Amino acid sequence: MIARYALSIFMLISAMNIAAADAVVDKPIVAPVFSGTSVLQVILSLAFVIVLIYAVAWYVRRLQLTTTGSGQSMRVVSALSVGTREKVVLVQVGDEQLLLGVAPGRVNLLRQFEGVAIEPKEAGLRGSFAKILNDSKLSSSSTSSSKASNHDGESTVS
């Protein structure tokens, strides 16, 4: 009887060792990192984002072309933000300028100027850069012309 119990315990221990050895030998199944579907999904997502960026850029460009055109008798001279969603805008209409308060859902006339109240600035970055460059050229030429030489050949600043 003891031999029977010993034999059954031995069989149980050997079965447990075999199961443990199988668990160590068998590796868990892991999906590959780069599968064909994941690569295709990434490429399609990137293509969608690029198309979306181009669509937004086209829409913004089209919106700006309709608001600013050459030969129009109405244009925005200056704008000043006075709140998160509120602005004060100076608009040139023909020979007069209008000061408008712009808020979400409404536009109010604040003041109407006969003639020109504020001269419009030069449009664009090129105009301001050209002005700065011309100013620096004028200031450098005025400092060089202010130097005079005395009779000893030394230059003095007058």
N, C-alpha and C. Protein backbone atom coordinates (compact mmCIF):
# COMPACT_ATOMS: atom_id res chain seq x y z
N MET A 1 0.80 -1.16 0.00
CA MET A 1 0.00 0.00 0.00
C MET A 1 0.86 1.25 0.00
N ILE A 2 1.92 1.28 0.78
CA ILE A 2 2.81 2.43 0.82
C ILE A 2 3.49 2.57 -0.55
N ALA A 3 3.78 1.50 -1.18
CA ALA A 3 4.42 1.55 -2.48
C ALA A 3 3.47 2.19 -3.49
N ARG A 4 2.19 1.91 -3.35
CA ARG A 4 1.21 2.51 -4.25
C ARG A 4 1.16 4.03 -4.07
N TYR A 5 1.13 4.49 -2.80
CA TYR A 5 1.10 5.92 -2.53
C TYR A 5 2.40 6.58 -3.02
N ALA A 6 3.49 5.95 -2.83
CA ALA A 6 4.77 6.49 -3.26
C ALA A 6 4.81 6.61 -4.79
N LEU A 7 4.27 5.59 -5.45
CA LEU A 7 4.23 5.60 -6.91
C LEU A 7 3.32 6.73 -7.43
N SER A 8 2.18 6.94 -6.81
CA SER A 8 1.27 8.00 -7.24
C SER A 8 1.85 9.38 -6.97
N ILE A 9 2.56 9.55 -5.86
CA ILE A 9 3.20 10.84 -5.56
C ILE A 9 4.33 11.09 -6.56
N PHE A 10 5.08 10.03 -6.88
CA PHE A 10 6.15 10.16 -7.87
C PHE A 10 5.59 10.56 -9.22
N MET A 11 4.48 9.95 -9.63
CA MET A 11 3.85 10.27 -10.91
C MET A 11 3.34 11.72 -10.90
N LEU A 12 2.79 12.18 -9.77
CA LEU A 12 2.27 13.54 -9.66
C LEU A 12 3.40 14.56 -9.76
N ILE A 13 4.52 14.29 -9.10
CA ILE A 13 5.66 15.19 -9.13
C ILE A 13 6.25 15.25 -10.54
N SER A 14 6.37 14.12 -11.20
CA SER A 14 6.92 14.11 -12.55
C SER A 14 6.00 14.82 -13.52
N ALA A 15 4.69 14.73 -13.33
CA ALA A 15 3.75 15.45 -14.20
C ALA A 15 3.87 16.96 -14.00
N MET A 16 4.09 17.37 -12.75
CA MET A 16 4.24 18.80 -12.47
C MET A 16 5.54 19.32 -13.06
N ASN A 17 6.61 18.53 -13.02
CA ASN A 17 7.88 18.94 -13.60
C ASN A 17 7.77 19.07 -15.12
N ILE A 18 7.05 18.16 -15.75
CA ILE A 18 6.88 18.21 -17.20
C ILE A 18 6.08 19.45 -17.59
N ALA A 19 5.02 19.76 -16.83
CA ALA A 19 4.21 20.95 -17.12
C ALA A 19 5.02 22.22 -16.92
N ALA A 20 5.86 22.24 -15.89
CA ALA A 20 6.69 23.42 -15.64
C ALA A 20 7.74 23.56 -16.74
N ALA A 21 8.29 22.44 -17.18
CA ALA A 21 9.29 22.50 -18.24
C ALA A 21 8.65 22.95 -19.55
N ASP A 22 7.43 22.54 -19.83
CA ASP A 22 6.74 22.98 -21.05
C ASP A 22 6.45 24.48 -20.99
N ALA A 23 6.11 24.99 -19.81
CA ALA A 23 5.82 26.41 -19.67
C ALA A 23 7.08 27.23 -19.90
N VAL A 24 8.24 26.72 -19.48
CA VAL A 24 9.49 27.45 -19.67
C VAL A 24 9.93 27.38 -21.13
N VAL A 25 9.78 26.23 -21.76
CA VAL A 25 10.24 26.05 -23.12
C VAL A 25 9.35 26.79 -24.10
N ASP A 26 8.03 26.75 -23.92
CA ASP A 26 7.12 27.42 -24.83
C ASP A 26 7.13 28.92 -24.56
N LYS A 27 7.44 29.69 -25.59
CA LYS A 27 7.44 31.14 -25.47
C LYS A 27 6.04 31.66 -25.79
N PRO A 28 5.67 32.75 -25.18
CA PRO A 28 4.36 33.31 -25.50
C PRO A 28 4.35 33.83 -26.94
N ILE A 29 3.20 33.76 -27.56
CA ILE A 29 3.06 34.21 -28.94
C ILE A 29 2.93 35.73 -28.94
N VAL A 30 3.86 36.40 -29.66
CA VAL A 30 3.88 37.85 -29.74
C VAL A 30 3.73 38.24 -31.20
N ALA A 31 2.86 39.20 -31.46
CA ALA A 31 2.69 39.69 -32.83
C ALA A 31 3.91 40.49 -33.25
N PRO A 32 4.29 40.43 -34.50
CA PRO A 32 5.44 41.21 -34.96
C PRO A 32 5.17 42.71 -34.83
N VAL A 33 6.23 43.46 -34.58
CA VAL A 33 6.10 44.90 -34.38
C VAL A 33 5.64 45.59 -35.66
N PHE A 34 6.25 45.26 -36.78
CA PHE A 34 5.90 45.87 -38.06
C PHE A 34 5.18 44.84 -38.92
N SER A 35 3.87 44.94 -38.91
CA SER A 35 3.11 44.08 -39.82
C SER A 35 2.67 44.93 -41.00
N GLY A 36 2.23 44.30 -42.04
CA GLY A 36 1.81 45.02 -43.24
C GLY A 36 0.65 45.95 -42.98
N THR A 37 -0.28 45.54 -42.15
CA THR A 37 -1.45 46.39 -41.89
C THR A 37 -1.08 47.61 -41.04
N SER A 38 -0.16 47.44 -40.08
CA SER A 38 0.20 48.60 -39.26
C SER A 38 0.98 49.63 -40.08
N VAL A 39 1.84 49.20 -40.97
CA VAL A 39 2.58 50.12 -41.83
C VAL A 39 1.63 50.85 -42.77
N LEU A 40 0.68 50.13 -43.33
CA LEU A 40 -0.31 50.74 -44.22
C LEU A 40 -1.17 51.74 -43.46
N GLN A 41 -1.53 51.43 -42.23
CA GLN A 41 -2.33 52.34 -41.42
C GLN A 41 -1.56 53.62 -41.11
N VAL A 42 -0.28 53.51 -40.81
CA VAL A 42 0.55 54.70 -40.54
C VAL A 42 0.67 55.56 -41.79
N ILE A 43 0.90 54.94 -42.94
CA ILE A 43 1.06 55.70 -44.19
C ILE A 43 -0.24 56.41 -44.54
N LEU A 44 -1.36 55.75 -44.40
CA LEU A 44 -2.64 56.39 -44.71
C LEU A 44 -2.96 57.52 -43.73
N SER A 45 -2.60 57.34 -42.48
CA SER A 45 -2.83 58.41 -41.50
C SER A 45 -1.99 59.64 -41.82
N LEU A 46 -0.72 59.44 -42.16
CA LEU A 46 0.14 60.56 -42.53
C LEU A 46 -0.35 61.26 -43.80
N ALA A 47 -0.81 60.49 -44.77
CA ALA A 47 -1.35 61.07 -46.00
C ALA A 47 -2.59 61.90 -45.70
N PHE A 48 -3.44 61.41 -44.80
CA PHE A 48 -4.64 62.16 -44.43
C PHE A 48 -4.27 63.48 -43.76
N VAL A 49 -3.29 63.47 -42.88
CA VAL A 49 -2.88 64.70 -42.19
C VAL A 49 -2.30 65.70 -43.19
N ILE A 50 -1.50 65.24 -44.13
CA ILE A 50 -0.91 66.14 -45.13
C ILE A 50 -2.00 66.74 -46.02
N VAL A 51 -2.96 65.94 -46.44
CA VAL A 51 -4.06 66.45 -47.26
C VAL A 51 -4.88 67.46 -46.46
N LEU A 52 -5.09 67.20 -45.19
CA LEU A 52 -5.83 68.12 -44.33
C LEU A 52 -5.11 69.46 -44.20
N ILE A 53 -3.79 69.43 -44.05
CA ILE A 53 -3.01 70.67 -43.96
C ILE A 53 -3.13 71.48 -45.25
N TYR A 54 -3.00 70.82 -46.40
CA TYR A 54 -3.14 71.51 -47.67
C TYR A 54 -4.55 72.08 -47.85
N ALA A 55 -5.57 71.36 -47.42
CA ALA A 55 -6.95 71.85 -47.54
C ALA A 55 -7.17 73.09 -46.69
N VAL A 56 -6.65 73.10 -45.47
CA VAL A 56 -6.79 74.27 -44.61
C VAL A 56 -6.02 75.45 -45.18
N ALA A 57 -4.83 75.22 -45.70
CA ALA A 57 -4.04 76.30 -46.30
C ALA A 57 -4.76 76.88 -47.52
N TRP A 58 -5.34 76.02 -48.35
CA TRP A 58 -6.09 76.49 -49.52
C TRP A 58 -7.29 77.32 -49.09
N TYR A 59 -7.99 76.88 -48.06
CA TYR A 59 -9.17 77.60 -47.59
C TYR A 59 -8.78 78.97 -47.03
N VAL A 60 -7.71 79.02 -46.25
CA VAL A 60 -7.27 80.30 -45.68
C VAL A 60 -6.83 81.24 -46.79
N ARG A 61 -6.11 80.73 -47.77
CA ARG A 61 -5.67 81.56 -48.89
C ARG A 61 -6.86 82.09 -49.67
N ARG A 62 -7.84 81.25 -49.91
CA ARG A 62 -9.03 81.68 -50.64
C ARG A 62 -9.81 82.72 -49.84
N LEU A 63 -9.89 82.56 -48.55
CA LEU A 63 -10.58 83.50 -47.69
C LEU A 63 -9.89 84.86 -47.72
N GLN A 64 -8.57 84.87 -47.72
CA GLN A 64 -7.83 86.13 -47.76
C GLN A 64 -7.93 86.80 -49.12
N LEU A 65 -8.00 86.02 -50.19
CA LEU A 65 -8.11 86.61 -51.52
C LEU A 65 -9.45 87.33 -51.68
N THR A 66 -10.50 86.82 -51.05
CA THR A 66 -11.79 87.48 -51.19
C THR A 66 -11.87 88.74 -50.34
N THR A 67 -11.10 88.82 -49.26
CA THR A 67 -11.18 90.01 -48.41
C THR A 67 -10.22 91.09 -48.85
N THR A 68 -9.10 90.75 -49.47
CA THR A 68 -8.16 91.76 -49.92
C THR A 68 -7.99 91.64 -51.42
N GLY A 69 -8.42 92.63 -52.11
CA GLY A 69 -8.25 92.64 -53.55
C GLY A 69 -7.81 94.02 -53.99
N SER A 70 -7.16 94.08 -55.14
CA SER A 70 -6.71 95.37 -55.62
C SER A 70 -7.87 96.09 -56.27
N GLY A 71 -7.88 97.40 -56.14
CA GLY A 71 -8.93 98.19 -56.76
C GLY A 71 -10.19 98.30 -55.92
N GLN A 72 -10.19 97.82 -54.71
CA GLN A 72 -11.37 97.95 -53.87
C GLN A 72 -11.37 99.33 -53.23
N SER A 73 -12.56 99.86 -53.00
CA SER A 73 -12.65 101.17 -52.38
C SER A 73 -12.78 101.07 -50.87
N MET A 74 -12.74 99.86 -50.32
CA MET A 74 -12.85 99.69 -48.89
C MET A 74 -11.71 98.77 -48.43
N ARG A 75 -11.00 99.18 -47.35
CA ARG A 75 -9.91 98.35 -46.83
C ARG A 75 -9.70 98.66 -45.36
N VAL A 76 -9.08 97.72 -44.66
CA VAL A 76 -8.77 97.88 -43.25
C VAL A 76 -7.43 98.60 -43.14
N VAL A 77 -7.44 99.76 -42.49
CA VAL A 77 -6.23 100.53 -42.33
C VAL A 77 -5.44 100.02 -41.13
N SER A 78 -6.15 99.80 -40.01
CA SER A 78 -5.49 99.35 -38.80
C SER A 78 -6.50 98.59 -37.95
N ALA A 79 -5.99 97.69 -37.11
CA ALA A 79 -6.84 96.93 -36.20
C ALA A 79 -6.11 96.78 -34.87
N LEU A 80 -6.86 96.87 -33.80
CA LEU A 80 -6.30 96.76 -32.46
C LEU A 80 -7.18 95.84 -31.64
N SER A 81 -6.59 94.82 -31.05
CA SER A 81 -7.33 93.90 -30.21
C SER A 81 -7.45 94.48 -28.82
N VAL A 82 -8.68 94.60 -28.31
CA VAL A 82 -8.90 95.18 -26.99
C VAL A 82 -9.42 94.15 -26.00
N GLY A 83 -9.61 92.95 -26.42
CA GLY A 83 -10.07 91.86 -25.55
C GLY A 83 -9.78 90.54 -26.21
N THR A 84 -10.30 89.49 -25.62
CA THR A 84 -10.04 88.17 -26.20
C THR A 84 -10.73 88.00 -27.55
N ARG A 85 -11.92 88.59 -27.69
CA ARG A 85 -12.65 88.45 -28.95
C ARG A 85 -13.14 89.79 -29.48
N GLU A 86 -12.66 90.89 -28.93
CA GLU A 86 -13.10 92.21 -29.34
C GLU A 86 -11.95 92.97 -29.99
N LYS A 87 -12.30 93.76 -31.02
CA LYS A 87 -11.31 94.57 -31.73
C LYS A 87 -11.87 95.93 -32.04
N VAL A 88 -10.97 96.88 -32.21
CA VAL A 88 -11.30 98.19 -32.76
C VAL A 88 -10.60 98.26 -34.11
N VAL A 89 -11.39 98.53 -35.17
CA VAL A 89 -10.88 98.48 -36.53
C VAL A 89 -11.11 99.82 -37.20
N LEU A 90 -10.08 100.33 -37.88
CA LEU A 90 -10.20 101.54 -38.68
C LEU A 90 -10.29 101.13 -40.14
N VAL A 91 -11.42 101.48 -40.77
CA VAL A 91 -11.69 101.06 -42.15
C VAL A 91 -11.72 102.30 -43.04
N GLN A 92 -11.03 102.23 -44.18
CA GLN A 92 -11.03 103.29 -45.17
C GLN A 92 -12.11 102.98 -46.20
N VAL A 93 -13.08 103.89 -46.34
CA VAL A 93 -14.15 103.73 -47.33
C VAL A 93 -14.15 105.00 -48.17
N GLY A 94 -13.62 104.87 -49.38
CA GLY A 94 -13.54 106.05 -50.25
C GLY A 94 -12.61 107.08 -49.64
N ASP A 95 -13.17 108.30 -49.37
CA ASP A 95 -12.37 109.39 -48.80
C ASP A 95 -12.51 109.50 -47.30
N GLU A 96 -13.33 108.71 -46.68
CA GLU A 96 -13.51 108.81 -45.23
C GLU A 96 -13.10 107.51 -44.53
N GLN A 97 -12.84 107.65 -43.24
CA GLN A 97 -12.44 106.50 -42.43
C GLN A 97 -13.46 106.30 -41.32
N LEU A 98 -13.74 105.01 -41.04
CA LEU A 98 -14.71 104.64 -40.01
C LEU A 98 -14.01 103.86 -38.92
N LEU A 99 -14.25 104.24 -37.67
CA LEU A 99 -13.72 103.52 -36.52
C LEU A 99 -14.83 102.59 -36.02
N LEU A 100 -14.59 101.28 -36.11
CA LEU A 100 -15.61 100.29 -35.79
C LEU A 100 -15.20 99.46 -34.58
N GLY A 101 -16.17 99.16 -33.74
CA GLY A 101 -15.97 98.21 -32.65
C GLY A 101 -16.52 96.87 -33.09
N VAL A 102 -15.68 95.86 -33.11
CA VAL A 102 -16.07 94.55 -33.61
C VAL A 102 -16.04 93.55 -32.47
N ALA A 103 -17.18 92.90 -32.24
CA ALA A 103 -17.31 91.86 -31.22
C ALA A 103 -18.05 90.69 -31.86
N PRO A 104 -18.02 89.52 -31.24
CA PRO A 104 -18.73 88.39 -31.84
C PRO A 104 -20.23 88.69 -31.99
N GLY A 105 -20.69 88.67 -33.21
CA GLY A 105 -22.11 88.86 -33.48
C GLY A 105 -22.53 90.30 -33.68
N ARG A 106 -21.64 91.28 -33.55
CA ARG A 106 -22.05 92.67 -33.75
C ARG A 106 -20.87 93.55 -34.14
N VAL A 107 -21.21 94.62 -34.87
CA VAL A 107 -20.25 95.64 -35.28
C VAL A 107 -20.89 96.99 -34.99
N ASN A 108 -20.18 97.83 -34.25
CA ASN A 108 -20.71 99.15 -33.90
C ASN A 108 -19.82 100.24 -34.47
N LEU A 109 -20.45 101.31 -34.98
CA LEU A 109 -19.72 102.47 -35.46
C LEU A 109 -19.36 103.32 -34.25
N LEU A 110 -18.07 103.51 -34.00
CA LEU A 110 -17.63 104.32 -32.87
C LEU A 110 -17.45 105.78 -33.27
N ARG A 111 -16.86 106.01 -34.45
CA ARG A 111 -16.64 107.37 -34.92
C ARG A 111 -16.44 107.35 -36.42
N GLN A 112 -16.86 108.44 -37.07
CA GLN A 112 -16.70 108.58 -38.51
C GLN A 112 -15.82 109.79 -38.77
N PHE A 113 -14.73 109.60 -39.51
CA PHE A 113 -13.79 110.68 -39.80
C PHE A 113 -13.98 111.14 -41.24
N GLU A 114 -14.12 112.43 -41.44
CA GLU A 114 -14.13 112.98 -42.80
C GLU A 114 -12.68 113.18 -43.20
N GLY A 115 -12.27 112.57 -44.24
CA GLY A 115 -10.87 112.65 -44.63
C GLY A 115 -10.07 111.52 -43.98
N VAL A 116 -8.77 111.73 -43.86
CA VAL A 116 -7.88 110.68 -43.36
C VAL A 116 -7.49 110.98 -41.92
N ALA A 117 -7.84 110.09 -41.00
CA ALA A 117 -7.47 110.24 -39.60
C ALA A 117 -6.08 109.67 -39.35
N ILE A 118 -5.81 108.50 -39.92
CA ILE A 118 -4.52 107.84 -39.76
C ILE A 118 -4.07 107.39 -41.14
N GLU A 119 -2.82 107.69 -41.46
CA GLU A 119 -2.26 107.24 -42.73
C GLU A 119 -2.04 105.73 -42.68
N PRO A 120 -2.39 105.00 -43.74
CA PRO A 120 -2.13 103.55 -43.74
C PRO A 120 -0.65 103.26 -43.79
N LYS A 121 -0.25 102.19 -43.06
CA LYS A 121 1.15 101.77 -43.05
C LYS A 121 1.49 101.09 -44.37
N GLU A 122 2.79 100.99 -44.64
CA GLU A 122 3.22 100.24 -45.82
C GLU A 122 2.89 98.79 -45.58
N ALA A 123 2.28 98.17 -46.57
CA ALA A 123 1.83 96.78 -46.41
C ALA A 123 3.00 95.83 -46.53
N GLY A 124 3.00 94.84 -45.71
CA GLY A 124 3.94 93.75 -45.84
C GLY A 124 5.24 93.96 -45.12
N LEU A 125 5.98 92.87 -45.02
CA LEU A 125 7.26 92.88 -44.34
C LEU A 125 8.33 93.53 -45.19
N ARG A 126 8.20 93.44 -46.51
CA ARG A 126 9.21 94.00 -47.39
C ARG A 126 9.29 95.52 -47.25
N GLY A 127 8.13 96.17 -47.12
CA GLY A 127 8.12 97.62 -47.00
C GLY A 127 8.83 98.07 -45.74
N SER A 128 8.57 97.42 -44.63
CA SER A 128 9.21 97.82 -43.38
C SER A 128 10.71 97.51 -43.41
N PHE A 129 11.09 96.39 -44.01
CA PHE A 129 12.51 96.06 -44.11
C PHE A 129 13.23 97.08 -44.99
N ALA A 130 12.60 97.45 -46.10
CA ALA A 130 13.21 98.44 -46.99
C ALA A 130 13.36 99.78 -46.28
N LYS A 131 12.37 100.14 -45.47
CA LYS A 131 12.45 101.40 -44.74
C LYS A 131 13.60 101.37 -43.73
N ILE A 132 13.74 100.27 -43.00
CA ILE A 132 14.83 100.13 -42.03
C ILE A 132 16.19 100.18 -42.74
N LEU A 133 16.27 99.51 -43.88
CA LEU A 133 17.53 99.51 -44.63
C LEU A 133 17.87 100.90 -45.14
N ASN A 134 16.89 101.62 -45.66
CA ASN A 134 17.14 103.00 -46.14
C ASN A 134 17.51 103.91 -44.98
N ASP A 135 16.85 103.74 -43.83
CA ASP A 135 17.19 104.56 -42.67
C ASP A 135 18.62 104.31 -42.21
N SER A 136 19.05 103.05 -42.23
CA SER A 136 20.42 102.74 -41.81
C SER A 136 21.43 103.29 -42.81
N LYS A 137 21.08 103.27 -44.11
CA LYS A 137 21.98 103.84 -45.11
C LYS A 137 22.09 105.34 -44.94
N LEU A 138 20.95 106.00 -44.66
CA LEU A 138 20.98 107.45 -44.46
C LEU A 138 21.77 107.83 -43.23
N SER A 139 21.60 107.07 -42.15
CA SER A 139 22.33 107.40 -40.93
C SER A 139 23.82 107.14 -41.08
N SER A 140 24.21 106.10 -41.82
CA SER A 140 25.64 105.84 -42.00
C SER A 140 26.26 106.87 -42.93
N SER A 141 25.51 107.33 -43.93
CA SER A 141 26.06 108.34 -44.83
C SER A 141 26.13 109.70 -44.15
N SER A 142 25.21 109.98 -43.22
CA SER A 142 25.27 111.26 -42.52
C SER A 142 26.42 111.30 -41.53
N THR A 143 26.75 110.16 -40.91
CA THR A 143 27.89 110.15 -39.99
C THR A 143 29.21 110.24 -40.74
N SER A 144 29.28 109.64 -41.93
CA SER A 144 30.53 109.71 -42.69
C SER A 144 30.72 111.10 -43.29
N SER A 145 29.63 111.79 -43.61
CA SER A 145 29.78 113.13 -44.18
C SER A 145 30.05 114.17 -43.10
N SER A 146 29.76 113.82 -41.84
CA SER A 146 30.00 114.79 -40.77
C SER A 146 31.46 114.83 -40.35
N LYS A 147 32.26 113.88 -40.82
CA LYS A 147 33.69 113.89 -40.51
C LYS A 147 34.39 114.89 -41.43
N ALA A 148 35.23 115.65 -40.85
CA ALA A 148 36.02 116.61 -41.64
C ALA A 148 37.48 116.45 -41.27
N SER A 149 38.35 116.77 -42.18
CA SER A 149 39.77 116.64 -41.87
C SER A 149 40.34 118.02 -41.62
N ASN A 150 41.27 118.06 -40.65
CA ASN A 150 41.92 119.35 -40.38
C ASN A 150 43.18 119.46 -41.23
N HIS A 151 43.93 120.48 -41.05
CA HIS A 151 45.10 120.73 -41.90
C HIS A 151 46.22 119.73 -41.66
N ASP A 152 46.20 118.97 -40.54
CA ASP A 152 47.23 117.97 -40.29
C ASP A 152 46.92 116.63 -40.95
N GLY A 153 45.77 116.50 -41.59
CA GLY A 153 45.39 115.24 -42.22
C GLY A 153 44.63 114.31 -41.30
N GLU A 154 44.42 114.73 -40.04
CA GLU A 154 43.68 113.91 -39.12
C GLU A 154 42.20 114.21 -39.25
N SER A 155 41.37 113.20 -39.11
CA SER A 155 39.94 113.44 -39.25
C SER A 155 39.36 113.77 -37.89
N THR A 156 38.48 114.73 -37.89
CA THR A 156 37.79 115.12 -36.67
C THR A 156 36.29 115.07 -36.92
N VAL A 157 35.55 114.83 -35.88
CA VAL A 157 34.09 114.80 -36.00
C VAL A 157 33.57 116.17 -35.62
N SER A 158 32.76 116.74 -36.50
CA SER A 158 32.22 118.07 -36.20
C SER A 158 30.80 117.99 -35.69
